[in-house]
Amino acid sequence: MSEMLNRLETLIADRRANPVEDSYTNKLFTKGRTKISQKVGEEATEVIVAALGEGRTEQIRELADLFY
């Protein structure tokens, strides 16, 4: 898992240094830290909701969204 997180970190750093048009990551960087923080909070809430009542597949999907 650490390898996956390392690759994700590299991808995000690359998007910041070399913006790609229509990149979701680039759009978040453009909107700033407040928007990024709101998005992280939203994704964390979805993980909690999935953990309380969804199946394993949905939990994994929501965790993947949070990691990204």
PDB file of N, CA and C in Angstrom:
ATOM      1  N   MET A   1       0.816  -1.186   0.000  1.00  0.00           N
ATOM      2  CA  MET A   1       0.000   0.000   0.000  1.00  0.00           C
ATOM      3  C   MET A   1       0.865   1.257   0.000  1.00  0.00           C
ATOM      4  N   SER A   2       1.995   1.216   0.670  1.00  0.00           N
ATOM      5  CA  SER A   2       2.840   2.413   0.707  1.00  0.00           C
ATOM      6  C   SER A   2       3.339   2.777  -0.689  1.00  0.00           C
ATOM      7  N   GLU A   3       3.566   1.784  -1.535  1.00  0.00           N
ATOM      8  CA  GLU A   3       3.995   2.064  -2.909  1.00  0.00           C
ATOM      9  C   GLU A   3       2.900   2.817  -3.661  1.00  0.00           C
ATOM     10  N   MET A   4       1.660   2.397  -3.471  1.00  0.00           N
ATOM     11  CA  MET A   4       0.540   3.071  -4.118  1.00  0.00           C
ATOM     12  C   MET A   4       0.436   4.520  -3.645  1.00  0.00           C
ATOM     13  N   LEU A   5       0.585   4.739  -2.347  1.00  0.00           N
ATOM     14  CA  LEU A   5       0.519   6.100  -1.810  1.00  0.00           C
ATOM     15  C   LEU A   5       1.685   6.948  -2.307  1.00  0.00           C
ATOM     16  N   ASN A   6       2.859   6.342  -2.445  1.00  0.00           N
ATOM     17  CA  ASN A   6       4.015   7.062  -2.995  1.00  0.00           C
ATOM     18  C   ASN A   6       3.754   7.485  -4.440  1.00  0.00           C
ATOM     19  N   ARG A   7       3.168   6.583  -5.233  1.00  0.00           N
ATOM     20  CA  ARG A   7       2.855   6.917  -6.625  1.00  0.00           C
ATOM     21  C   ARG A   7       1.807   8.023  -6.695  1.00  0.00           C
ATOM     22  N   LEU A   8       0.829   7.946  -5.810  1.00  0.00           N
ATOM     23  CA  LEU A   8      -0.207   8.970  -5.768  1.00  0.00           C
ATOM     24  C   LEU A   8       0.391  10.327  -5.398  1.00  0.00           C
ATOM     25  N   GLU A   9       1.275  10.336  -4.413  1.00  0.00           N
ATOM     26  CA  GLU A   9       1.938  11.579  -4.013  1.00  0.00           C
ATOM     27  C   GLU A   9       2.730  12.171  -5.177  1.00  0.00           C
ATOM     28  N   THR A  10       3.427  11.318  -5.915  1.00  0.00           N
ATOM     29  CA  THR A  10       4.205  11.767  -7.068  1.00  0.00           C
ATOM     30  C   THR A  10       3.293  12.356  -8.139  1.00  0.00           C
ATOM     31  N   LEU A  11       2.181  11.692  -8.403  1.00  0.00           N
ATOM     32  CA  LEU A  11       1.230  12.177  -9.400  1.00  0.00           C
ATOM     33  C   LEU A  11       0.668  13.543  -9.007  1.00  0.00           C
ATOM     34  N   ILE A  12       0.280  13.682  -7.755  1.00  0.00           N
ATOM     35  CA  ILE A  12      -0.286  14.947  -7.294  1.00  0.00           C
ATOM     36  C   ILE A  12       0.757  16.068  -7.367  1.00  0.00           C
ATOM     37  N   ALA A  13       1.981  15.784  -6.963  1.00  0.00           N
ATOM     38  CA  ALA A  13       3.051  16.787  -7.048  1.00  0.00           C
ATOM     39  C   ALA A  13       3.308  17.180  -8.501  1.00  0.00           C
ATOM     40  N   ASP A  14       3.257  16.207  -9.394  1.00  0.00           N
ATOM     41  CA  ASP A  14       3.458  16.490 -10.811  1.00  0.00           C
ATOM     42  C   ASP A  14       2.334  17.367 -11.358  1.00  0.00           C
ATOM     43  N   ARG A  15       1.105  17.084 -10.962  1.00  0.00           N
ATOM     44  CA  ARG A  15      -0.032  17.897 -11.414  1.00  0.00           C
ATOM     45  C   ARG A  15       0.105  19.343 -10.931  1.00  0.00           C
ATOM     46  N   ARG A  16       0.629  19.492  -9.735  1.00  0.00           N
ATOM     47  CA  ARG A  16       0.797  20.853  -9.203  1.00  0.00           C
ATOM     48  C   ARG A  16       1.894  21.596  -9.968  1.00  0.00           C
ATOM     49  N   ALA A  17       2.989  20.904 -10.247  1.00  0.00           N
ATOM     50  CA  ALA A  17       4.112  21.531 -10.948  1.00  0.00           C
ATOM     51  C   ALA A  17       3.836  21.698 -12.441  1.00  0.00           C
ATOM     52  N   ASN A  18       3.056  20.769 -13.012  1.00  0.00           N
ATOM     53  CA  ASN A  18       2.777  20.762 -14.448  1.00  0.00           C
ATOM     54  C   ASN A  18       1.273  20.605 -14.672  1.00  0.00           C
ATOM     55  N   PRO A  19       0.519  21.665 -14.492  1.00  0.00           N
ATOM     56  CA  PRO A  19      -0.941  21.562 -14.594  1.00  0.00           C
ATOM     57  C   PRO A  19      -1.393  20.968 -15.925  1.00  0.00           C
ATOM     58  N   VAL A  20      -2.400  20.114 -15.837  1.00  0.00           N
ATOM     59  CA  VAL A  20      -2.988  19.474 -17.008  1.00  0.00           C
ATOM     60  C   VAL A  20      -4.417  19.996 -17.142  1.00  0.00           C
ATOM     61  N   GLU A  21      -4.741  20.511 -18.323  1.00  0.00           N
ATOM     62  CA  GLU A  21      -6.087  21.032 -18.544  1.00  0.00           C
ATOM     63  C   GLU A  21      -7.125  19.945 -18.280  1.00  0.00           C
ATOM     64  N   ASP A  22      -8.206  20.303 -17.649  1.00  0.00           N
ATOM     65  CA  ASP A  22      -9.310  19.402 -17.295  1.00  0.00           C
ATOM     66  C   ASP A  22      -8.941  18.380 -16.225  1.00  0.00           C
ATOM     67  N   SER A  23      -7.800  18.549 -15.574  1.00  0.00           N
ATOM     68  CA  SER A  23      -7.411  17.664 -14.476  1.00  0.00           C
ATOM     69  C   SER A  23      -8.177  18.063 -13.219  1.00  0.00           C
ATOM     70  N   TYR A  24      -8.841  17.099 -12.601  1.00  0.00           N
ATOM     71  CA  TYR A  24      -9.585  17.369 -11.371  1.00  0.00           C
ATOM     72  C   TYR A  24      -8.636  17.886 -10.293  1.00  0.00           C
ATOM     73  N   THR A  25      -7.471  17.287 -10.203  1.00  0.00           N
ATOM     74  CA  THR A  25      -6.473  17.710  -9.218  1.00  0.00           C
ATOM     75  C   THR A  25      -6.074  19.160  -9.455  1.00  0.00           C
ATOM     76  N   ASN A  26      -5.841  19.517 -10.699  1.00  0.00           N
ATOM     77  CA  ASN A  26      -5.480  20.892 -11.030  1.00  0.00           C
ATOM     78  C   ASN A  26      -6.606  21.857 -10.661  1.00  0.00           C
ATOM     79  N   LYS A  27      -7.837  21.459 -10.891  1.00  0.00           N
ATOM     80  CA  LYS A  27      -8.973  22.319 -10.540  1.00  0.00           C
ATOM     81  C   LYS A  27      -9.017  22.570  -9.035  1.00  0.00           C
ATOM     82  N   LEU A  28      -8.744  21.531  -8.246  1.00  0.00           N
ATOM     83  CA  LEU A  28      -8.725  21.713  -6.794  1.00  0.00           C
ATOM     84  C   LEU A  28      -7.597  22.652  -6.369  1.00  0.00           C
ATOM     85  N   PHE A  29      -6.416  22.470  -6.946  1.00  0.00           N
ATOM     86  CA  PHE A  29      -5.300  23.361  -6.610  1.00  0.00           C
ATOM     87  C   PHE A  29      -5.653  24.811  -6.938  1.00  0.00           C
ATOM     88  N   THR A  30      -6.317  25.027  -8.056  1.00  0.00           N
ATOM     89  CA  THR A  30      -6.704  26.373  -8.460  1.00  0.00           C
ATOM     90  C   THR A  30      -7.675  26.999  -7.462  1.00  0.00           C
ATOM     91  N   LYS A  31      -8.558  26.182  -6.882  1.00  0.00           N
ATOM     92  CA  LYS A  31      -9.563  26.693  -5.945  1.00  0.00           C
ATOM     93  C   LYS A  31      -8.992  26.965  -4.557  1.00  0.00           C
ATOM     94  N   GLY A  32      -7.836  26.386  -4.243  1.00  0.00           N
ATOM     95  CA  GLY A  32      -7.161  26.698  -2.986  1.00  0.00           C
ATOM     96  C   GLY A  32      -7.413  25.723  -1.849  1.00  0.00           C
ATOM     97  N   ARG A  33      -6.722  26.000  -0.745  1.00  0.00           N
ATOM     98  CA  ARG A  33      -6.732  25.102   0.416  1.00  0.00           C
ATOM     99  C   ARG A  33      -8.107  24.930   1.047  1.00  0.00           C
ATOM    100  N   THR A  34      -8.888  25.998   1.074  1.00  0.00           N
ATOM    101  CA  THR A  34     -10.212  25.889   1.693  1.00  0.00           C
ATOM    102  C   THR A  34     -11.062  24.870   0.947  1.00  0.00           C
ATOM    103  N   LYS A  35     -11.081  24.947  -0.373  1.00  0.00           N
ATOM    104  CA  LYS A  35     -11.863  23.997  -1.174  1.00  0.00           C
ATOM    105  C   LYS A  35     -11.305  22.584  -1.026  1.00  0.00           C
ATOM    106  N   ILE A  36      -9.988  22.454  -1.013  1.00  0.00           N
ATOM    107  CA  ILE A  36      -9.372  21.137  -0.833  1.00  0.00           C
ATOM    108  C   ILE A  36      -9.770  20.564   0.519  1.00  0.00           C
ATOM    109  N   SER A  37      -9.733  21.384   1.554  1.00  0.00           N
ATOM    110  CA  SER A  37     -10.124  20.933   2.898  1.00  0.00           C
ATOM    111  C   SER A  37     -11.587  20.517   2.939  1.00  0.00           C
ATOM    112  N   GLN A  38     -12.447  21.273   2.285  1.00  0.00           N
ATOM    113  CA  GLN A  38     -13.865  20.911   2.222  1.00  0.00           C
ATOM    114  C   GLN A  38     -14.050  19.565   1.534  1.00  0.00           C
ATOM    115  N   LYS A  39     -13.310  19.346   0.464  1.00  0.00           N
ATOM    116  CA  LYS A  39     -13.424  18.087  -0.282  1.00  0.00           C
ATOM    117  C   LYS A  39     -12.940  16.918   0.566  1.00  0.00           C
ATOM    118  N   VAL A  40     -11.844  17.095   1.288  1.00  0.00           N
ATOM    119  CA  VAL A  40     -11.347  16.032   2.170  1.00  0.00           C
ATOM    120  C   VAL A  40     -12.386  15.720   3.243  1.00  0.00           C
ATOM    121  N   GLY A  41     -12.993  16.748   3.817  1.00  0.00           N
ATOM    122  CA  GLY A  41     -14.037  16.540   4.817  1.00  0.00           C
ATOM    123  C   GLY A  41     -15.229  15.796   4.254  1.00  0.00           C
ATOM    124  N   GLU A  42     -15.636  16.154   3.049  1.00  0.00           N
ATOM    125  CA  GLU A  42     -16.750  15.477   2.383  1.00  0.00           C
ATOM    126  C   GLU A  42     -16.438  13.999   2.174  1.00  0.00           C
ATOM    127  N   GLU A  43     -15.244  13.723   1.675  1.00  0.00           N
ATOM    128  CA  GLU A  43     -14.863  12.329   1.416  1.00  0.00           C
ATOM    129  C   GLU A  43     -14.752  11.539   2.718  1.00  0.00           C
ATOM    130  N   ALA A  44     -14.249  12.158   3.774  1.00  0.00           N
ATOM    131  CA  ALA A  44     -14.154  11.483   5.073  1.00  0.00           C
ATOM    132  C   ALA A  44     -15.538  11.132   5.600  1.00  0.00           C
ATOM    133  N   THR A  45     -16.487  12.038   5.425  1.00  0.00           N
ATOM    134  CA  THR A  45     -17.866  11.769   5.847  1.00  0.00           C
ATOM    135  C   THR A  45     -18.437  10.587   5.078  1.00  0.00           C
ATOM    136  N   GLU A  46     -18.168  10.516   3.790  1.00  0.00           N
ATOM    137  CA  GLU A  46     -18.657   9.400   2.982  1.00  0.00           C
ATOM    138  C   GLU A  46     -18.052   8.073   3.437  1.00  0.00           C
ATOM    139  N   VAL A  47     -16.802   8.091   3.875  1.00  0.00           N
ATOM    140  CA  VAL A  47     -16.180   6.875   4.413  1.00  0.00           C
ATOM    141  C   VAL A  47     -16.913   6.429   5.674  1.00  0.00           C
ATOM    142  N   ILE A  48     -17.210   7.364   6.547  1.00  0.00           N
ATOM    143  CA  ILE A  48     -17.912   7.032   7.797  1.00  0.00           C
ATOM    144  C   ILE A  48     -19.286   6.456   7.502  1.00  0.00           C
ATOM    145  N   VAL A  49     -20.026   7.079   6.602  1.00  0.00           N
ATOM    146  CA  VAL A  49     -21.361   6.590   6.247  1.00  0.00           C
ATOM    147  C   VAL A  49     -21.266   5.187   5.657  1.00  0.00           C
ATOM    148  N   ALA A  50     -20.304   4.962   4.780  1.00  0.00           N
ATOM    149  CA  ALA A  50     -20.132   3.635   4.182  1.00  0.00           C
ATOM    150  C   ALA A  50     -19.776   2.602   5.239  1.00  0.00           C
ATOM    151  N   ALA A  51     -18.952   2.985   6.189  1.00  0.00           N
ATOM    152  CA  ALA A  51     -18.549   2.050   7.250  1.00  0.00           C
ATOM    153  C   ALA A  51     -19.734   1.652   8.122  1.00  0.00           C
ATOM    154  N   LEU A  52     -20.688   2.546   8.258  1.00  0.00           N
ATOM    155  CA  LEU A  52     -21.836   2.274   9.121  1.00  0.00           C
ATOM    156  C   LEU A  52     -22.936   1.475   8.435  1.00  0.00           C
ATOM    157  N   GLY A  53     -23.002   1.514   7.110  1.00  0.00           N
ATOM    158  CA  GLY A  53     -24.143   0.844   6.515  1.00  0.00           C
ATOM    159  C   GLY A  53     -23.971   0.280   5.128  1.00  0.00           C
ATOM    160  N   GLU A  54     -22.824   0.425   4.544  1.00  0.00           N
ATOM    161  CA  GLU A  54     -22.618  -0.057   3.183  1.00  0.00           C
ATOM    162  C   GLU A  54     -21.787  -1.333   3.193  1.00  0.00           C
ATOM    163  N   GLY A  55     -21.753  -1.984   2.056  1.00  0.00           N
ATOM    164  CA  GLY A  55     -20.950  -3.194   1.916  1.00  0.00           C
ATOM    165  C   GLY A  55     -19.474  -2.879   1.755  1.00  0.00           C
ATOM    166  N   ARG A  56     -18.686  -3.914   1.788  1.00  0.00           N
ATOM    167  CA  ARG A  56     -17.231  -3.779   1.705  1.00  0.00           C
ATOM    168  C   ARG A  56     -16.788  -3.064   0.427  1.00  0.00           C
ATOM    169  N   THR A  57     -17.421  -3.384  -0.687  1.00  0.00           N
ATOM    170  CA  THR A  57     -17.034  -2.761  -1.950  1.00  0.00           C
ATOM    171  C   THR A  57     -17.210  -1.249  -1.896  1.00  0.00           C
ATOM    172  N   GLU A  58     -18.331  -0.795  -1.360  1.00  0.00           N
ATOM    173  CA  GLU A  58     -18.578   0.641  -1.250  1.00  0.00           C
ATOM    174  C   GLU A  58     -17.601   1.285  -0.271  1.00  0.00           C
ATOM    175  N   GLN A  59     -17.266   0.587   0.792  1.00  0.00           N
ATOM    176  CA  GLN A  59     -16.296   1.113   1.752  1.00  0.00           C
ATOM    177  C   GLN A  59     -14.942   1.322   1.075  1.00  0.00           C
ATOM    178  N   ILE A  60     -14.536   0.348   0.281  1.00  0.00           N
ATOM    179  CA  ILE A  60     -13.254   0.448  -0.430  1.00  0.00           C
ATOM    180  C   ILE A  60     -13.278   1.616  -1.409  1.00  0.00           C
ATOM    181  N   ARG A  61     -14.374   1.766  -2.137  1.00  0.00           N
ATOM    182  CA  ARG A  61     -14.492   2.888  -3.082  1.00  0.00           C
ATOM    183  C   ARG A  61     -14.365   4.230  -2.368  1.00  0.00           C
ATOM    184  N   GLU A  62     -15.060   4.349  -1.256  1.00  0.00           N
ATOM    185  CA  GLU A  62     -15.023   5.616  -0.528  1.00  0.00           C
ATOM    186  C   GLU A  62     -13.642   5.882   0.066  1.00  0.00           C
ATOM    187  N   LEU A  63     -12.974   4.836   0.535  1.00  0.00           N
ATOM    188  CA  LEU A  63     -11.606   5.015   1.044  1.00  0.00           C
ATOM    189  C   LEU A  63     -10.658   5.447  -0.071  1.00  0.00           C
ATOM    190  N   ALA A  64     -10.839   4.864  -1.254  1.00  0.00           N
ATOM    191  CA  ALA A  64     -10.003   5.258  -2.392  1.00  0.00           C
ATOM    192  C   ALA A  64     -10.216   6.732  -2.721  1.00  0.00           C
ATOM    193  N   ASP A  65     -11.476   7.174  -2.693  1.00  0.00           N
ATOM    194  CA  ASP A  65     -11.759   8.592  -2.936  1.00  0.00           C
ATOM    195  C   ASP A  65     -11.088   9.472  -1.891  1.00  0.00           C
ATOM    196  N   LEU A  66     -11.139   9.054  -0.640  1.00  0.00           N
ATOM    197  CA  LEU A  66     -10.516   9.837   0.431  1.00  0.00           C
ATOM    198  C   LEU A  66      -9.000   9.899   0.249  1.00  0.00           C
ATOM    199  N   PHE A  67      -8.381   8.782  -0.082  1.00  0.00           N
ATOM    200  CA  PHE A  67      -6.931   8.791  -0.289  1.00  0.00           C
ATOM    201  C   PHE A  67      -6.551   9.741  -1.407  1.00  0.00           C
ATOM    202  N   TYR A  68      -7.359   9.755  -2.464  1.00  0.00           N
ATOM    203  CA  TYR A  68      -7.032  10.649  -3.568  1.00  0.00           C
ATOM    204  C   TYR A  68      -7.326  12.081  -3.216  1.00  0.00           C
TER     205      TYR A  68
END
